[in-house]
Amino acid sequence: MTRDTDEELRERVRRQARRMKRAERDRRTLLAQTIYIGTLGLVFVLPVVGGAYLGRWLDGFASGYSMRWTLSLIFLGVVVGGVNIYLLIRE
């Protein structure tokens, strides 16, 4: 090997070692990943459940058997939850 290729190889190994150290330092722990997944679940489920409760309460004021508000607000909760998930993952 020539001197230039030895230096190139050394520099490439140094860069890879720095990159590996940085990746090891920045790696998320299992607890952090679990909390992140739990947060994603809550961000999606809370608008759906809130919409169901609010819709059921509003349907209670209607005469007869009505599920219009409940179904509409559950659907709205799914849409809002999906947007929340998208924004949280994008961040």
N, C-alpha and C. Protein backbone atom coordinates (compact mmCIF):
# COMPACT_ATOMS: atom_id res chain seq x y z
N MET A 1 0.84 -1.19 0.00
CA MET A 1 0.00 0.00 0.00
C MET A 1 0.88 1.25 0.00
N THR A 2 0.41 2.24 -0.63
CA THR A 2 1.16 3.49 -0.64
C THR A 2 0.78 4.31 0.57
N ARG A 3 1.55 5.33 0.79
CA ARG A 3 1.32 6.19 1.95
C ARG A 3 -0.03 6.92 1.86
N ASP A 4 -0.44 7.34 0.66
CA ASP A 4 -1.71 8.04 0.48
C ASP A 4 -2.89 7.14 0.82
N THR A 5 -2.86 5.90 0.40
CA THR A 5 -3.97 5.00 0.68
C THR A 5 -4.02 4.65 2.16
N ASP A 6 -2.85 4.58 2.82
CA ASP A 6 -2.84 4.34 4.26
C ASP A 6 -3.50 5.49 5.01
N GLU A 7 -3.19 6.71 4.61
CA GLU A 7 -3.79 7.88 5.25
C GLU A 7 -5.29 7.94 4.99
N GLU A 8 -5.70 7.62 3.76
CA GLU A 8 -7.12 7.62 3.45
C GLU A 8 -7.86 6.59 4.30
N LEU A 9 -7.25 5.41 4.42
CA LEU A 9 -7.87 4.35 5.23
C LEU A 9 -7.96 4.78 6.69
N ARG A 10 -6.93 5.37 7.22
CA ARG A 10 -6.95 5.83 8.62
C ARG A 10 -8.03 6.89 8.83
N GLU A 11 -8.11 7.82 7.88
CA GLU A 11 -9.11 8.88 8.01
C GLU A 11 -10.53 8.31 7.92
N ARG A 12 -10.74 7.35 7.04
CA ARG A 12 -12.05 6.73 6.92
C ARG A 12 -12.41 5.98 8.20
N VAL A 13 -11.45 5.28 8.79
CA VAL A 13 -11.70 4.57 10.05
C VAL A 13 -11.99 5.55 11.17
N ARG A 14 -11.28 6.68 11.22
CA ARG A 14 -11.54 7.70 12.24
C ARG A 14 -12.96 8.26 12.10
N ARG A 15 -13.39 8.55 10.86
CA ARG A 15 -14.73 9.07 10.65
C ARG A 15 -15.80 8.06 11.06
N GLN A 16 -15.58 6.80 10.72
CA GLN A 16 -16.55 5.77 11.10
C GLN A 16 -16.60 5.60 12.62
N ALA A 17 -15.45 5.68 13.27
CA ALA A 17 -15.42 5.55 14.73
C ALA A 17 -16.15 6.72 15.38
N ARG A 18 -15.96 7.93 14.88
CA ARG A 18 -16.68 9.09 15.42
C ARG A 18 -18.18 8.94 15.20
N ARG A 19 -18.57 8.47 14.01
CA ARG A 19 -19.98 8.27 13.71
C ARG A 19 -20.58 7.21 14.63
N MET A 20 -19.86 6.13 14.88
CA MET A 20 -20.37 5.08 15.77
C MET A 20 -20.50 5.57 17.21
N LYS A 21 -19.54 6.36 17.68
CA LYS A 21 -19.63 6.92 19.03
C LYS A 21 -20.82 7.86 19.15
N ARG A 22 -21.02 8.69 18.13
CA ARG A 22 -22.16 9.60 18.15
C ARG A 22 -23.48 8.84 18.12
N ALA A 23 -23.57 7.78 17.33
CA ALA A 23 -24.78 6.98 17.27
C ALA A 23 -25.04 6.28 18.60
N GLU A 24 -24.00 5.80 19.25
CA GLU A 24 -24.17 5.14 20.55
C GLU A 24 -24.64 6.14 21.60
N ARG A 25 -24.12 7.34 21.56
CA ARG A 25 -24.49 8.37 22.53
C ARG A 25 -25.93 8.85 22.31
N ASP A 26 -26.35 8.94 21.05
CA ASP A 26 -27.68 9.46 20.73
C ASP A 26 -28.76 8.39 20.69
N ARG A 27 -28.40 7.13 20.91
CA ARG A 27 -29.37 6.05 20.82
C ARG A 27 -30.41 6.17 21.93
N ARG A 28 -31.67 5.94 21.57
CA ARG A 28 -32.74 6.01 22.55
C ARG A 28 -32.78 4.75 23.38
N THR A 29 -33.12 4.90 24.63
CA THR A 29 -33.23 3.74 25.50
C THR A 29 -34.60 3.09 25.31
N LEU A 30 -34.73 1.89 25.84
CA LEU A 30 -36.00 1.18 25.74
C LEU A 30 -37.11 1.96 26.45
N LEU A 31 -36.79 2.56 27.58
CA LEU A 31 -37.78 3.35 28.30
C LEU A 31 -38.25 4.55 27.48
N ALA A 32 -37.31 5.23 26.82
CA ALA A 32 -37.68 6.39 26.00
C ALA A 32 -38.55 5.97 24.83
N GLN A 33 -38.25 4.85 24.21
CA GLN A 33 -39.06 4.36 23.10
C GLN A 33 -40.46 3.96 23.57
N THR A 34 -40.54 3.34 24.75
CA THR A 34 -41.83 2.95 25.29
C THR A 34 -42.69 4.17 25.60
N ILE A 35 -42.09 5.18 26.16
CA ILE A 35 -42.82 6.41 26.47
C ILE A 35 -43.29 7.08 25.17
N TYR A 36 -42.47 7.06 24.15
CA TYR A 36 -42.84 7.65 22.86
C TYR A 36 -44.04 6.93 22.24
N ILE A 37 -44.02 5.60 22.25
CA ILE A 37 -45.13 4.82 21.71
C ILE A 37 -46.39 5.07 22.52
N GLY A 38 -46.27 5.13 23.85
CA GLY A 38 -47.42 5.42 24.70
C GLY A 38 -48.00 6.79 24.42
N THR A 39 -47.14 7.76 24.19
CA THR A 39 -47.60 9.10 23.86
C THR A 39 -48.36 9.11 22.54
N LEU A 40 -47.83 8.38 21.55
CA LEU A 40 -48.53 8.28 20.26
C LEU A 40 -49.92 7.69 20.45
N GLY A 41 -50.02 6.66 21.28
CA GLY A 41 -51.32 6.04 21.53
C GLY A 41 -52.30 7.00 22.18
N LEU A 42 -51.84 7.70 23.19
CA LEU A 42 -52.72 8.65 23.88
C LEU A 42 -53.15 9.80 22.97
N VAL A 43 -52.22 10.28 22.16
CA VAL A 43 -52.53 11.39 21.27
C VAL A 43 -53.60 10.98 20.26
N PHE A 44 -53.66 9.70 19.92
CA PHE A 44 -54.68 9.23 18.98
C PHE A 44 -55.99 8.90 19.70
N VAL A 45 -55.91 8.23 20.84
CA VAL A 45 -57.11 7.70 21.50
C VAL A 45 -57.92 8.79 22.20
N LEU A 46 -57.27 9.76 22.81
CA LEU A 46 -58.00 10.77 23.57
C LEU A 46 -59.02 11.56 22.75
N PRO A 47 -58.70 12.01 21.54
CA PRO A 47 -59.75 12.70 20.76
C PRO A 47 -60.92 11.78 20.37
N VAL A 48 -60.64 10.51 20.12
CA VAL A 48 -61.70 9.57 19.76
C VAL A 48 -62.64 9.36 20.94
N VAL A 49 -62.07 9.09 22.11
CA VAL A 49 -62.88 8.86 23.30
C VAL A 49 -63.62 10.14 23.71
N GLY A 50 -62.93 11.26 23.63
CA GLY A 50 -63.59 12.54 23.93
C GLY A 50 -64.75 12.82 22.99
N GLY A 51 -64.57 12.53 21.72
CA GLY A 51 -65.66 12.71 20.76
C GLY A 51 -66.82 11.78 21.05
N ALA A 52 -66.53 10.54 21.46
CA ALA A 52 -67.60 9.59 21.77
C ALA A 52 -68.41 10.07 22.98
N TYR A 53 -67.73 10.51 24.02
CA TYR A 53 -68.45 10.98 25.21
C TYR A 53 -69.25 12.25 24.91
N LEU A 54 -68.64 13.19 24.20
CA LEU A 54 -69.35 14.42 23.88
C LEU A 54 -70.55 14.13 22.96
N GLY A 55 -70.36 13.26 22.00
CA GLY A 55 -71.45 12.90 21.10
C GLY A 55 -72.59 12.20 21.83
N ARG A 56 -72.25 11.31 22.75
CA ARG A 56 -73.29 10.62 23.52
C ARG A 56 -74.07 11.61 24.38
N TRP A 57 -73.36 12.57 24.95
CA TRP A 57 -74.01 13.59 25.78
C TRP A 57 -74.96 14.44 24.92
N LEU A 58 -74.50 14.83 23.73
CA LEU A 58 -75.34 15.63 22.84
C LEU A 58 -76.53 14.82 22.32
N ASP A 59 -76.33 13.53 22.05
CA ASP A 59 -77.43 12.68 21.60
C ASP A 59 -78.46 12.48 22.69
N GLY A 60 -78.09 12.63 23.92
CA GLY A 60 -79.03 12.51 25.03
C GLY A 60 -80.09 13.59 25.00
N PHE A 61 -79.79 14.73 24.40
CA PHE A 61 -80.75 15.81 24.29
C PHE A 61 -81.76 15.60 23.16
N ALA A 62 -81.44 14.71 22.23
CA ALA A 62 -82.33 14.47 21.09
C ALA A 62 -83.46 13.54 21.50
N SER A 63 -84.60 13.73 20.90
CA SER A 63 -85.74 12.87 21.22
C SER A 63 -85.63 11.57 20.42
N GLY A 64 -85.99 10.47 21.04
CA GLY A 64 -85.92 9.19 20.36
C GLY A 64 -84.50 8.63 20.41
N TYR A 65 -84.26 7.68 19.52
CA TYR A 65 -82.96 7.02 19.48
C TYR A 65 -82.09 7.71 18.44
N SER A 66 -81.02 8.34 18.88
CA SER A 66 -80.15 9.08 17.97
C SER A 66 -78.69 8.73 18.25
N MET A 67 -77.95 8.52 17.20
CA MET A 67 -76.50 8.30 17.31
C MET A 67 -75.75 9.23 16.38
N ARG A 68 -76.43 10.21 15.86
CA ARG A 68 -75.84 11.10 14.87
C ARG A 68 -74.60 11.82 15.41
N TRP A 69 -74.75 12.46 16.57
CA TRP A 69 -73.62 13.20 17.14
C TRP A 69 -72.50 12.26 17.56
N THR A 70 -72.85 11.12 18.11
CA THR A 70 -71.83 10.18 18.58
C THR A 70 -70.96 9.72 17.42
N LEU A 71 -71.58 9.26 16.35
CA LEU A 71 -70.81 8.77 15.21
C LEU A 71 -70.02 9.89 14.54
N SER A 72 -70.64 11.05 14.43
CA SER A 72 -69.94 12.17 13.79
C SER A 72 -68.71 12.59 14.59
N LEU A 73 -68.85 12.67 15.90
CA LEU A 73 -67.72 13.11 16.72
C LEU A 73 -66.67 12.02 16.89
N ILE A 74 -67.06 10.76 16.82
CA ILE A 74 -66.05 9.69 16.81
C ILE A 74 -65.22 9.80 15.54
N PHE A 75 -65.88 9.99 14.40
CA PHE A 75 -65.16 10.16 13.14
C PHE A 75 -64.24 11.38 13.19
N LEU A 76 -64.75 12.48 13.73
CA LEU A 76 -63.93 13.68 13.86
C LEU A 76 -62.73 13.41 14.78
N GLY A 77 -62.94 12.64 15.85
CA GLY A 77 -61.85 12.28 16.75
C GLY A 77 -60.79 11.45 16.07
N VAL A 78 -61.21 10.53 15.18
CA VAL A 78 -60.24 9.72 14.42
C VAL A 78 -59.41 10.62 13.50
N VAL A 79 -60.06 11.57 12.86
CA VAL A 79 -59.34 12.48 11.97
C VAL A 79 -58.36 13.35 12.78
N VAL A 80 -58.83 13.91 13.88
CA VAL A 80 -57.96 14.75 14.71
C VAL A 80 -56.80 13.92 15.28
N GLY A 81 -57.09 12.70 15.73
CA GLY A 81 -56.03 11.83 16.24
C GLY A 81 -55.01 11.49 15.17
N GLY A 82 -55.46 11.24 13.95
CA GLY A 82 -54.53 10.96 12.86
C GLY A 82 -53.64 12.14 12.55
N VAL A 83 -54.21 13.33 12.56
CA VAL A 83 -53.41 14.54 12.33
C VAL A 83 -52.41 14.73 13.47
N ASN A 84 -52.84 14.48 14.71
CA ASN A 84 -51.92 14.59 15.85
C ASN A 84 -50.74 13.63 15.71
N ILE A 85 -51.03 12.38 15.31
CA ILE A 85 -49.97 11.40 15.13
C ILE A 85 -49.00 11.86 14.04
N TYR A 86 -49.55 12.32 12.92
CA TYR A 86 -48.71 12.80 11.82
C TYR A 86 -47.79 13.93 12.29
N LEU A 87 -48.34 14.89 12.99
CA LEU A 87 -47.54 16.04 13.44
C LEU A 87 -46.49 15.62 14.47
N LEU A 88 -46.83 14.68 15.35
CA LEU A 88 -45.88 14.25 16.36
C LEU A 88 -44.74 13.45 15.74
N ILE A 89 -45.05 12.60 14.79
CA ILE A 89 -43.98 11.82 14.14
C ILE A 89 -43.11 12.72 13.28
N ARG A 90 -43.72 13.68 12.61
CA ARG A 90 -42.96 14.60 11.77
C ARG A 90 -41.98 15.44 12.57
N GLU A 91 -42.36 15.75 13.79
CA GLU A 91 -41.51 16.56 14.68
C GLU A 91 -40.29 15.76 15.03
